[in-house]
Amino acid sequence: MSPRILHIISHLFHKNSHQKVIELLEKECGHTQLRTNGNEGGLERIHFAVLKLSEGNIEKLKHETKEATIDWRDVLMAAGFGCDVAAHGRWYEEIQKRLK
């Protein structure tokens, strides 16, 4: 789990939920479940998408991780990250600015 993902989790979710969110991403939304090519940057982009779409809600996160296993490209598009491989990075920068 990348430091950027952990940072987003800490921003979006209550502290008591952090471990559950991490486990959900690792078990339900990893390379095996998503059938990705093993590219960590690509997986991080998908994780950013499901986290953004969850809006800090565990039930929404569960839904989005299931959607990602059907077709991860759909969650990238829904999050606004589908047509621009750098869009998730800009979203992360926005979160960082809000925390300052």
N, C-alpha and C. Protein backbone atom coordinates (compact mmCIF):
# COMPACT_ATOMS: atom_id res chain seq x y z
N MET A 1 0.86 -1.17 0.00
CA MET A 1 0.00 0.00 0.00
C MET A 1 0.90 1.24 0.00
N SER A 2 0.71 2.08 -0.99
CA SER A 2 1.58 3.25 -1.12
C SER A 2 1.29 4.29 -0.04
N PRO A 3 2.29 5.09 0.28
CA PRO A 3 2.07 6.17 1.26
C PRO A 3 0.96 7.13 0.82
N ARG A 4 0.84 7.35 -0.48
CA ARG A 4 -0.22 8.25 -0.97
C ARG A 4 -1.60 7.65 -0.71
N ILE A 5 -1.74 6.35 -0.90
CA ILE A 5 -3.02 5.69 -0.62
C ILE A 5 -3.34 5.79 0.86
N LEU A 6 -2.36 5.52 1.69
CA LEU A 6 -2.58 5.61 3.14
C LEU A 6 -2.97 7.03 3.55
N HIS A 7 -2.39 8.02 2.92
CA HIS A 7 -2.71 9.41 3.20
C HIS A 7 -4.17 9.71 2.83
N ILE A 8 -4.59 9.23 1.68
CA ILE A 8 -5.98 9.44 1.25
C ILE A 8 -6.94 8.75 2.21
N ILE A 9 -6.61 7.53 2.60
CA ILE A 9 -7.46 6.80 3.54
C ILE A 9 -7.60 7.60 4.83
N SER A 10 -6.49 8.14 5.32
CA SER A 10 -6.55 8.90 6.57
C SER A 10 -7.38 10.18 6.42
N HIS A 11 -7.44 10.70 5.23
CA HIS A 11 -8.22 11.91 4.98
C HIS A 11 -9.72 11.59 4.82
N LEU A 12 -10.03 10.51 4.12
CA LEU A 12 -11.43 10.22 3.79
C LEU A 12 -12.19 9.45 4.87
N PHE A 13 -11.49 8.60 5.61
CA PHE A 13 -12.17 7.68 6.52
C PHE A 13 -11.82 7.96 7.97
N HIS A 14 -12.75 7.64 8.83
CA HIS A 14 -12.54 7.74 10.27
C HIS A 14 -11.41 6.80 10.67
N LYS A 15 -10.63 7.21 11.64
CA LYS A 15 -9.47 6.43 12.08
C LYS A 15 -9.80 4.97 12.40
N ASN A 16 -10.96 4.74 12.99
CA ASN A 16 -11.36 3.37 13.33
C ASN A 16 -11.58 2.48 12.11
N SER A 17 -11.73 3.10 10.93
CA SER A 17 -12.00 2.34 9.70
C SER A 17 -10.76 2.08 8.86
N HIS A 18 -9.64 2.70 9.19
CA HIS A 18 -8.46 2.63 8.33
C HIS A 18 -8.04 1.20 8.01
N GLN A 19 -7.93 0.36 9.01
CA GLN A 19 -7.47 -1.01 8.77
C GLN A 19 -8.45 -1.77 7.88
N LYS A 20 -9.73 -1.57 8.10
CA LYS A 20 -10.75 -2.24 7.28
C LYS A 20 -10.65 -1.79 5.82
N VAL A 21 -10.43 -0.51 5.60
CA VAL A 21 -10.28 0.02 4.24
C VAL A 21 -9.05 -0.60 3.57
N ILE A 22 -7.95 -0.63 4.28
CA ILE A 22 -6.72 -1.22 3.74
C ILE A 22 -6.95 -2.68 3.38
N GLU A 23 -7.55 -3.43 4.27
CA GLU A 23 -7.82 -4.85 4.01
C GLU A 23 -8.75 -5.02 2.81
N LEU A 24 -9.75 -4.18 2.70
CA LEU A 24 -10.68 -4.26 1.58
C LEU A 24 -9.95 -4.01 0.26
N LEU A 25 -9.10 -3.01 0.23
CA LEU A 25 -8.34 -2.73 -0.99
C LEU A 25 -7.40 -3.88 -1.33
N GLU A 26 -6.72 -4.42 -0.32
CA GLU A 26 -5.76 -5.50 -0.57
C GLU A 26 -6.44 -6.80 -0.99
N LYS A 27 -7.54 -7.15 -0.34
CA LYS A 27 -8.18 -8.44 -0.59
C LYS A 27 -9.17 -8.42 -1.74
N GLU A 28 -9.85 -7.29 -1.93
CA GLU A 28 -10.92 -7.23 -2.93
C GLU A 28 -10.55 -6.44 -4.18
N CYS A 29 -9.45 -5.71 -4.11
CA CYS A 29 -9.13 -4.79 -5.21
C CYS A 29 -7.63 -4.79 -5.48
N GLY A 30 -7.05 -5.99 -5.57
CA GLY A 30 -5.63 -6.13 -5.85
C GLY A 30 -5.39 -6.60 -7.27
N HIS A 31 -4.14 -6.87 -7.60
CA HIS A 31 -3.79 -7.30 -8.96
C HIS A 31 -4.55 -8.56 -9.38
N THR A 32 -4.66 -9.52 -8.48
CA THR A 32 -5.32 -10.79 -8.81
C THR A 32 -6.79 -10.57 -9.13
N GLN A 33 -7.49 -9.82 -8.29
CA GLN A 33 -8.92 -9.59 -8.47
C GLN A 33 -9.20 -8.72 -9.70
N LEU A 34 -8.31 -7.79 -9.99
CA LEU A 34 -8.53 -6.86 -11.09
C LEU A 34 -7.92 -7.35 -12.40
N ARG A 35 -7.13 -8.40 -12.32
CA ARG A 35 -6.45 -8.94 -13.49
C ARG A 35 -5.64 -7.86 -14.22
N THR A 36 -4.88 -7.11 -13.41
CA THR A 36 -4.01 -6.09 -13.99
C THR A 36 -2.66 -6.71 -14.30
N ASN A 37 -1.82 -5.96 -14.95
CA ASN A 37 -0.53 -6.49 -15.39
C ASN A 37 0.55 -6.43 -14.32
N GLY A 38 0.20 -6.07 -13.10
CA GLY A 38 1.20 -6.01 -12.03
C GLY A 38 1.85 -4.65 -11.88
N ASN A 39 1.41 -3.66 -12.65
CA ASN A 39 1.96 -2.32 -12.58
C ASN A 39 1.43 -1.62 -11.33
N GLU A 40 2.32 -1.29 -10.40
CA GLU A 40 1.91 -0.66 -9.14
C GLU A 40 1.28 0.71 -9.37
N GLY A 41 1.79 1.47 -10.33
CA GLY A 41 1.20 2.78 -10.62
C GLY A 41 -0.23 2.66 -11.11
N GLY A 42 -0.49 1.63 -11.92
CA GLY A 42 -1.85 1.40 -12.41
C GLY A 42 -2.78 0.98 -11.29
N LEU A 43 -2.29 0.15 -10.40
CA LEU A 43 -3.11 -0.28 -9.26
C LEU A 43 -3.40 0.90 -8.34
N GLU A 44 -2.41 1.75 -8.12
CA GLU A 44 -2.63 2.93 -7.29
C GLU A 44 -3.70 3.82 -7.92
N ARG A 45 -3.67 3.97 -9.21
CA ARG A 45 -4.67 4.79 -9.92
C ARG A 45 -6.08 4.24 -9.72
N ILE A 46 -6.22 2.92 -9.78
CA ILE A 46 -7.51 2.28 -9.54
C ILE A 46 -7.93 2.47 -8.08
N HIS A 47 -6.99 2.31 -7.16
CA HIS A 47 -7.29 2.53 -5.74
C HIS A 47 -7.73 3.97 -5.49
N PHE A 48 -7.05 4.93 -6.12
CA PHE A 48 -7.46 6.33 -5.99
C PHE A 48 -8.91 6.47 -6.46
N ALA A 49 -9.24 5.83 -7.58
CA ALA A 49 -10.59 5.95 -8.14
C ALA A 49 -11.64 5.40 -7.19
N VAL A 50 -11.43 4.20 -6.66
CA VAL A 50 -12.45 3.62 -5.78
C VAL A 50 -12.55 4.41 -4.48
N LEU A 51 -11.43 4.94 -4.01
CA LEU A 51 -11.46 5.76 -2.80
C LEU A 51 -12.21 7.07 -3.05
N LYS A 52 -11.95 7.70 -4.18
CA LYS A 52 -12.65 8.94 -4.50
C LYS A 52 -14.15 8.70 -4.60
N LEU A 53 -14.53 7.64 -5.31
CA LEU A 53 -15.95 7.34 -5.50
C LEU A 53 -16.65 6.94 -4.20
N SER A 54 -15.88 6.43 -3.26
CA SER A 54 -16.47 5.99 -1.98
C SER A 54 -16.93 7.17 -1.13
N GLU A 55 -16.32 8.33 -1.34
CA GLU A 55 -16.63 9.53 -0.55
C GLU A 55 -16.49 9.28 0.96
N GLY A 56 -15.58 8.38 1.33
CA GLY A 56 -15.34 8.10 2.74
C GLY A 56 -16.36 7.18 3.39
N ASN A 57 -17.14 6.49 2.57
CA ASN A 57 -18.18 5.59 3.06
C ASN A 57 -17.79 4.15 2.77
N ILE A 58 -17.70 3.32 3.81
CA ILE A 58 -17.27 1.93 3.65
C ILE A 58 -18.18 1.15 2.70
N GLU A 59 -19.48 1.34 2.82
CA GLU A 59 -20.41 0.60 1.95
C GLU A 59 -20.22 0.99 0.49
N LYS A 60 -20.01 2.27 0.24
CA LYS A 60 -19.73 2.71 -1.14
C LYS A 60 -18.40 2.14 -1.61
N LEU A 61 -17.43 2.08 -0.71
CA LEU A 61 -16.13 1.51 -1.08
C LEU A 61 -16.28 0.05 -1.46
N LYS A 62 -17.06 -0.71 -0.70
CA LYS A 62 -17.31 -2.11 -1.05
C LYS A 62 -17.93 -2.22 -2.43
N HIS A 63 -18.91 -1.36 -2.69
CA HIS A 63 -19.57 -1.37 -4.00
C HIS A 63 -18.57 -1.07 -5.12
N GLU A 64 -17.75 -0.04 -4.92
CA GLU A 64 -16.80 0.36 -5.96
C GLU A 64 -15.70 -0.68 -6.18
N THR A 65 -15.27 -1.35 -5.12
CA THR A 65 -14.27 -2.40 -5.33
C THR A 65 -14.88 -3.56 -6.12
N LYS A 66 -16.14 -3.86 -5.88
CA LYS A 66 -16.80 -4.90 -6.69
C LYS A 66 -16.93 -4.46 -8.14
N GLU A 67 -17.29 -3.20 -8.34
CA GLU A 67 -17.37 -2.67 -9.71
C GLU A 67 -16.01 -2.77 -10.41
N ALA A 68 -14.95 -2.49 -9.67
CA ALA A 68 -13.60 -2.54 -10.25
C ALA A 68 -13.24 -3.96 -10.68
N THR A 69 -13.72 -4.96 -9.96
CA THR A 69 -13.41 -6.34 -10.35
C THR A 69 -14.17 -6.74 -11.61
N ILE A 70 -15.29 -6.09 -11.88
CA ILE A 70 -16.02 -6.35 -13.12
C ILE A 70 -15.28 -5.71 -14.28
N ASP A 71 -14.98 -4.43 -14.15
CA ASP A 71 -14.18 -3.72 -15.17
C ASP A 71 -13.60 -2.46 -14.53
N TRP A 72 -12.32 -2.51 -14.19
CA TRP A 72 -11.68 -1.41 -13.49
C TRP A 72 -11.67 -0.13 -14.32
N ARG A 73 -11.81 -0.25 -15.62
CA ARG A 73 -11.84 0.95 -16.47
C ARG A 73 -13.08 1.79 -16.18
N ASP A 74 -14.16 1.13 -15.80
CA ASP A 74 -15.39 1.86 -15.47
C ASP A 74 -15.21 2.76 -14.25
N VAL A 75 -14.51 2.27 -13.23
CA VAL A 75 -14.31 3.12 -12.04
C VAL A 75 -13.34 4.26 -12.35
N LEU A 76 -12.37 4.02 -13.22
CA LEU A 76 -11.49 5.11 -13.61
C LEU A 76 -12.28 6.22 -14.31
N MET A 77 -13.16 5.83 -15.20
CA MET A 77 -13.98 6.81 -15.91
C MET A 77 -14.92 7.55 -14.95
N ALA A 78 -15.57 6.80 -14.07
CA ALA A 78 -16.52 7.41 -13.12
C ALA A 78 -15.83 8.41 -12.20
N ALA A 79 -14.58 8.14 -11.86
CA ALA A 79 -13.83 9.03 -10.96
C ALA A 79 -13.20 10.21 -11.70
N GLY A 80 -13.25 10.17 -13.03
CA GLY A 80 -12.64 11.24 -13.82
C GLY A 80 -11.17 11.00 -14.10
N PHE A 81 -10.72 9.76 -13.93
CA PHE A 81 -9.32 9.42 -14.15
C PHE A 81 -9.09 8.60 -15.41
N GLY A 82 -10.12 8.37 -16.20
CA GLY A 82 -10.03 7.44 -17.31
C GLY A 82 -9.29 7.94 -18.53
N CYS A 83 -9.37 9.22 -18.82
CA CYS A 83 -8.79 9.76 -20.06
C CYS A 83 -7.46 10.46 -19.84
N ASP A 84 -7.04 10.54 -18.61
CA ASP A 84 -5.81 11.27 -18.29
C ASP A 84 -5.07 10.52 -17.19
N VAL A 85 -3.93 9.94 -17.52
CA VAL A 85 -3.20 9.12 -16.56
C VAL A 85 -2.62 9.91 -15.40
N ALA A 86 -2.64 11.24 -15.50
CA ALA A 86 -2.13 12.07 -14.41
C ALA A 86 -3.24 12.67 -13.54
N ALA A 87 -4.49 12.44 -13.90
CA ALA A 87 -5.62 13.06 -13.18
C ALA A 87 -5.68 12.65 -11.72
N HIS A 88 -5.37 11.40 -11.43
CA HIS A 88 -5.42 10.96 -10.04
C HIS A 88 -4.37 11.67 -9.19
N GLY A 89 -3.23 11.97 -9.79
CA GLY A 89 -2.18 12.71 -9.09
C GLY A 89 -2.61 14.13 -8.75
N ARG A 90 -3.35 14.74 -9.67
CA ARG A 90 -3.85 16.10 -9.40
C ARG A 90 -4.91 16.07 -8.29
N TRP A 91 -5.74 15.03 -8.29
CA TRP A 91 -6.73 14.89 -7.22
C TRP A 91 -6.02 14.76 -5.87
N TYR A 92 -4.95 13.98 -5.84
CA TYR A 92 -4.18 13.81 -4.61
C TYR A 92 -3.60 15.16 -4.16
N GLU A 93 -3.10 15.94 -5.10
CA GLU A 93 -2.56 17.26 -4.75
C GLU A 93 -3.64 18.16 -4.18
N GLU A 94 -4.86 18.08 -4.71
CA GLU A 94 -5.97 18.86 -4.16
C GLU A 94 -6.24 18.47 -2.71
N ILE A 95 -6.20 17.20 -2.42
CA ILE A 95 -6.42 16.73 -1.05
C ILE A 95 -5.33 17.29 -0.14
N GLN A 96 -4.10 17.23 -0.59
CA GLN A 96 -3.00 17.75 0.22
C GLN A 96 -3.18 19.23 0.51
N LYS A 97 -3.62 20.01 -0.47
CA LYS A 97 -3.82 21.44 -0.28
C LYS A 97 -4.92 21.70 0.76
N ARG A 98 -5.98 20.90 0.72
CA ARG A 98 -7.08 21.07 1.68
C ARG A 98 -6.64 20.78 3.11
N LEU A 99 -5.66 19.92 3.27
CA LEU A 99 -5.21 19.54 4.61
C LEU A 99 -4.26 20.55 5.21
N LYS A 100 -3.73 21.45 4.41
CA LYS A 100 -2.76 22.43 4.92
C LYS A 100 -3.45 23.59 5.56
